[in-house]
Structures are given as structure tokens and as C-alpha cells.
Amino acid sequence: MSRISRTRRIVLFWAAAAFIAALEAVLTAGWLVGATSPRVYATADDIPARMAGLLLGCPEYSNGRPNPVFAGRIRAAADLYHAGKIRTLVVSGASRPKEFYDEIPAMTNALISLGVPENVIVRDDKGLRTLDSVLRMHDVFACDDFIAISQRGHCERALYLADHHGISAIGFAAGIQPDPSLSDLCVSGLYGKLACVKAVLDVAVNRPAKYPTER
């Protein structure tokens, strides 16, 4: 009986230690990534103009329904263009035709429907992750001073990654259509917290883009 009790105490000790370590990692990553927040703007009137915008990709539909995160990002990118804040818009996302999953055509068509001319849209179908999208702006599209466009938490992660690689960027926080008040879910939710940890780990190991030069 005492042996079982001792084993249980050891298991509980290491479980508690692992939980504390994980919690510290989440808090530290959130603090590091959140330090970029002052460079994420909420209105098109306030944000400085840049030559290019980087629209970070996401699927148009989620669980068979229109994705409100997608709608918010498209609206934000269109607002920046119509406000004269960007001249070129790089649409960066994943393209997996064999899996019937391609973010680029959906984002392009949605932007055009909101009056963004097709000739100002640059398609990047190798933006598999935020890291890839950010690095490819510099390495492939020769742009190291741009506006990252997504929900606030995602923008913060993009800027954190850009800073590490010496890329100058600011962010524009999209809402979540049709209810922009939900935009902070991308920061406070579990996914956002884990994504911060992932961004910090990418920086720690200096992870490269999967397609560093291919266009």
C-alpha cells in the first residue's frame, strides 16, 4: 500500500511540475509576442501608409459555414486599399488542390468583390504558415516594410516573427464579421496562446520557410 502511495505521489509531483512548466511557457510566450501590440493599429485612419499589405490566409468556410474570421480579414484589407494605405496586396495562404483546399482563389475573389483591382493583388500560394508568409515577403517579394493584415493576435505573432528576422512591419487588426467585437478571441483563446508558444519556438530554433525562394 505504501509503495502505491509513493508512486502516486511521484506521478502527481511530475504532473504538477509539467503543468507549471507549460503554464510558464504560455505566459512567457504571450508576454514576448504581446510586446508588439503597440504596432498593431485598429483603424485605417490611424495606420501609416506602406507600399504593400500582407493578407494572412485562412479558409473561407469553417465546418461548412462562412468563416467570420475570413470575412473580417477581407474587409480589413479592402478598407486599407480604399483608404490609400497600401498599393499592393500580397494574398498569402495554403494551396492544396488535391485536398480541395485552396485559400488563394477565395481570398482573391472576395477582395475583387469589394472593389480591390485584380492587378494590385499578388498571389502567394506557399504561405503555409505565418512564418512562411512573413519570410517570403522579404525573400521572394523583396518587401521588408509592410502591413500585416489579420486579427490582432495573429498580427502580433507576425510582427514578432518579422522582428526576429530584421523585417520592418506593422499590423492592421481585422474584426470578425459580422461581429467585430469578437476579434479578441484570436488573442485570448487556447489556439492563440498555443500559437504564441509556437512562434517563440520558431524563433528559438531559427526555423526557415519551407519554400524560401520559390514563387
Protein backbone atom coordinates (compact mmCIF):
# COMPACT_ATOMS: atom_id res chain seq x y z
CA MET A 1 0.00 0.00 0.00
CA SER A 2 2.78 2.40 0.87
CA ARG A 3 4.56 1.61 -2.40
CA ILE A 4 1.42 2.50 -4.39
CA SER A 5 1.00 5.67 -2.39
CA ARG A 6 4.64 6.65 -3.01
CA THR A 7 4.28 6.01 -6.74
CA ARG A 8 1.16 8.12 -6.83
CA ARG A 9 2.96 10.99 -5.10
CA ILE A 10 5.79 10.83 -7.61
CA VAL A 11 3.35 10.85 -10.52
CA LEU A 12 1.46 13.80 -9.05
CA PHE A 13 4.72 15.68 -8.43
CA TRP A 14 5.89 15.34 -12.03
CA ALA A 15 2.43 16.11 -13.38
CA ALA A 16 2.36 19.31 -11.32
CA ALA A 17 5.89 20.21 -12.46
CA ALA A 18 4.92 19.68 -16.11
CA PHE A 19 1.79 21.81 -15.68
CA ILE A 20 3.78 24.65 -14.09
CA ALA A 21 6.41 24.49 -16.84
CA ALA A 22 3.73 24.57 -19.52
CA LEU A 23 1.99 27.49 -17.83
CA GLU A 24 5.23 29.43 -17.61
CA ALA A 25 5.92 28.77 -21.29
CA VAL A 26 2.47 30.05 -22.26
CA LEU A 27 2.77 33.18 -20.10
CA THR A 28 6.29 33.97 -21.30
CA ALA A 29 5.38 33.46 -24.96
CA GLY A 30 2.29 35.64 -24.55
CA TRP A 31 4.39 38.40 -22.99
CA LEU A 32 7.06 38.26 -25.72
CA VAL A 33 4.58 38.24 -28.59
CA GLY A 34 2.26 40.77 -26.92
CA ALA A 35 5.09 43.32 -26.79
CA THR A 36 4.39 44.04 -30.47
CA SER A 37 0.81 45.12 -29.72
CA PRO A 38 1.51 48.91 -29.89
CA ARG A 39 2.39 48.47 -33.58
CA VAL A 40 -0.97 46.88 -34.41
CA TYR A 41 -3.47 49.54 -35.50
CA ALA A 42 -7.23 49.31 -35.19
CA THR A 43 -8.40 51.89 -37.76
CA ALA A 44 -7.37 52.67 -41.31
CA ASP A 45 -7.24 56.39 -40.48
CA ASP A 46 -4.50 55.90 -37.88
CA ILE A 47 -2.18 53.44 -39.59
CA PRO A 48 0.79 54.79 -41.59
CA ALA A 49 0.80 54.02 -45.31
CA ARG A 50 3.07 51.31 -46.69
CA MET A 51 3.76 50.14 -50.20
CA ALA A 52 2.38 46.65 -49.56
CA GLY A 53 -0.02 44.75 -47.35
CA LEU A 54 0.31 41.10 -46.39
CA LEU A 55 -3.08 39.43 -46.06
CA LEU A 56 -2.60 36.31 -43.96
CA GLY A 57 -4.70 33.44 -45.19
CA CYS A 58 -7.48 31.40 -43.69
CA PRO A 59 -10.26 29.24 -45.17
CA GLU A 60 -13.44 30.84 -46.48
CA TYR A 61 -15.61 28.20 -44.80
CA SER A 62 -15.43 26.59 -41.38
CA ASN A 63 -17.48 23.47 -40.62
CA GLY A 64 -19.38 24.05 -43.84
CA ARG A 65 -20.37 27.61 -42.92
CA PRO A 66 -18.97 31.01 -43.96
CA ASN A 67 -15.93 31.74 -41.80
CA PRO A 68 -16.37 35.08 -39.94
CA VAL A 69 -12.59 35.34 -39.47
CA PHE A 70 -12.12 35.18 -43.25
CA ALA A 71 -14.76 37.85 -43.82
CA GLY A 72 -13.11 40.14 -41.29
CA ARG A 73 -9.68 39.88 -42.89
CA ILE A 74 -11.03 40.51 -46.38
CA ARG A 75 -12.93 43.59 -45.19
CA ALA A 76 -9.85 44.93 -43.40
CA ALA A 77 -7.62 44.50 -46.45
CA ALA A 78 -10.17 46.17 -48.72
CA ASP A 79 -10.54 49.07 -46.25
CA LEU A 80 -6.77 49.64 -46.25
CA TYR A 81 -6.63 49.69 -50.03
CA HIS A 82 -9.57 52.06 -50.42
CA ALA A 83 -8.07 54.34 -47.74
CA GLY A 84 -4.91 54.63 -49.85
CA LYS A 85 -2.75 52.93 -47.21
CA ILE A 86 -1.38 50.20 -49.50
CA ARG A 87 -0.72 49.96 -53.23
CA THR A 88 -0.02 46.23 -53.49
CA LEU A 89 -1.67 43.40 -51.60
CA VAL A 90 0.08 40.05 -51.21
CA VAL A 91 -2.51 37.35 -50.56
CA SER A 92 -0.63 34.58 -48.76
CA GLY A 93 -2.05 31.22 -47.79
CA ALA A 94 -2.02 27.46 -48.25
CA SER A 95 -2.86 25.76 -51.52
CA ARG A 96 -3.61 22.04 -51.56
CA PRO A 97 -5.65 21.37 -54.72
CA LYS A 98 -5.55 17.60 -54.23
CA GLU A 99 -7.35 18.10 -50.93
CA PHE A 100 -9.80 20.60 -52.49
CA TYR A 101 -8.30 23.25 -50.20
CA ASP A 102 -7.04 26.47 -51.76
CA GLU A 103 -7.23 29.75 -49.85
CA ILE A 104 -5.83 31.98 -52.62
CA PRO A 105 -8.70 32.00 -55.18
CA ALA A 106 -11.29 32.52 -52.44
CA MET A 107 -9.41 35.48 -50.93
CA THR A 108 -8.71 36.98 -54.37
CA ASN A 109 -12.34 36.73 -55.49
CA ALA A 110 -13.61 38.16 -52.21
CA LEU A 111 -11.26 41.14 -52.48
CA ILE A 112 -12.31 41.82 -56.06
CA SER A 113 -15.96 41.72 -54.98
CA LEU A 114 -15.15 44.56 -52.56
CA GLY A 115 -13.61 46.70 -55.28
CA VAL A 116 -9.91 45.83 -54.96
CA PRO A 117 -8.48 45.74 -58.52
CA GLU A 118 -7.10 42.38 -59.56
CA ASN A 119 -3.89 43.95 -60.84
CA VAL A 120 -2.83 45.06 -57.36
CA ILE A 121 -3.23 41.54 -55.89
CA VAL A 122 -0.15 39.31 -55.74
CA ARG A 123 -0.86 35.64 -55.05
CA ASP A 124 1.38 33.62 -52.76
CA ASP A 125 0.17 30.04 -52.52
CA LYS A 126 3.18 28.93 -50.47
CA GLY A 127 2.25 30.79 -47.31
CA LEU A 128 1.82 27.52 -45.44
CA ARG A 129 2.33 29.13 -42.03
CA THR A 130 2.58 32.65 -40.68
CA LEU A 131 6.36 32.22 -40.60
CA ASP A 132 6.44 31.31 -44.29
CA SER A 133 4.24 34.25 -45.26
CA VAL A 134 6.40 36.74 -43.35
CA LEU A 135 9.75 35.43 -44.59
CA ARG A 136 8.58 35.17 -48.18
CA MET A 137 7.60 38.84 -48.18
CA HIS A 138 11.30 39.62 -47.80
CA ASP A 139 12.96 36.71 -49.59
CA VAL A 140 10.61 36.24 -52.54
CA PHE A 141 8.74 39.52 -52.98
CA ALA A 142 11.61 41.83 -51.94
CA CYS A 143 9.45 43.70 -49.44
CA ASP A 144 10.60 44.26 -45.88
CA ASP A 145 8.31 47.12 -44.86
CA PHE A 146 4.67 46.12 -44.99
CA ILE A 147 1.35 45.94 -43.15
CA ALA A 148 0.36 42.50 -41.86
CA ILE A 149 -3.43 42.11 -42.01
CA SER A 150 -5.27 39.69 -39.72
CA GLN A 151 -6.95 39.60 -36.32
CA ARG A 152 -4.93 41.29 -33.58
CA GLY A 153 -3.38 38.19 -32.00
CA HIS A 154 -2.29 36.88 -35.39
CA CYS A 155 -0.81 40.27 -36.31
CA GLU A 156 1.19 40.28 -33.08
CA ARG A 157 2.68 36.89 -33.91
CA ALA A 158 3.53 38.00 -37.44
CA LEU A 159 5.30 41.11 -36.14
CA TYR A 160 7.20 39.08 -33.55
CA LEU A 161 8.48 36.78 -36.29
CA ALA A 162 9.29 39.73 -38.56
CA ASP A 163 11.27 41.46 -35.80
CA HIS A 164 13.46 38.41 -35.28
CA HIS A 165 14.38 38.36 -38.96
CA GLY A 166 15.08 42.07 -39.24
CA ILE A 167 11.93 42.79 -41.23
CA SER A 168 10.08 46.03 -40.56
CA ALA A 169 6.33 45.52 -40.31
CA ILE A 170 3.24 46.94 -38.66
CA GLY A 171 -0.14 45.31 -38.26
CA PHE A 172 -3.77 46.10 -39.01
CA ALA A 173 -6.28 44.36 -36.75
CA ALA A 174 -9.26 42.89 -38.54
CA GLY A 175 -12.53 42.26 -36.79
CA ILE A 176 -14.61 39.12 -37.07
CA GLN A 177 -17.56 39.73 -39.36
CA PRO A 178 -20.37 40.35 -38.73
CA ASP A 179 -19.43 40.93 -35.09
CA PRO A 180 -16.08 42.78 -34.81
CA SER A 181 -16.33 42.69 -31.01
CA LEU A 182 -15.28 39.04 -31.16
CA SER A 183 -11.84 39.86 -32.60
CA ASP A 184 -10.05 39.33 -29.28
CA LEU A 185 -10.95 35.63 -29.39
CA CYS A 186 -7.84 35.16 -31.54
CA VAL A 187 -5.77 36.51 -28.64
CA SER A 188 -7.48 35.07 -25.58
CA GLY A 189 -8.47 31.64 -26.90
CA LEU A 190 -6.44 28.50 -26.37
CA TYR A 191 -5.41 28.42 -30.02
CA GLY A 192 -3.97 31.92 -29.76
CA LYS A 193 -1.96 31.06 -26.65
CA LEU A 194 -0.52 27.90 -28.19
CA ALA A 195 0.26 29.76 -31.41
CA CYS A 196 2.32 32.26 -29.39
CA VAL A 197 4.36 29.39 -27.94
CA LYS A 198 4.86 28.02 -31.45
CA ALA A 199 6.06 31.41 -32.71
CA VAL A 200 8.58 31.68 -29.87
CA LEU A 201 9.86 28.17 -30.60
CA ASP A 202 10.21 29.02 -34.30
CA VAL A 203 12.37 31.98 -33.33
CA ALA A 204 14.37 29.94 -30.82
CA VAL A 205 15.37 27.32 -33.41
CA ASN A 206 15.56 29.87 -36.24
CA ARG A 207 13.17 27.82 -38.37
CA PRO A 208 13.33 28.66 -42.10
CA ALA A 209 10.48 28.94 -44.58
CA LYS A 210 9.62 25.69 -46.37
CA TYR A 211 9.84 27.40 -49.75
CA PRO A 212 12.40 30.19 -49.18
CA THR A 213 12.82 31.26 -52.81
CA GLU A 214 10.20 29.50 -54.94
CA ARG A 215 7.48 31.73 -56.34
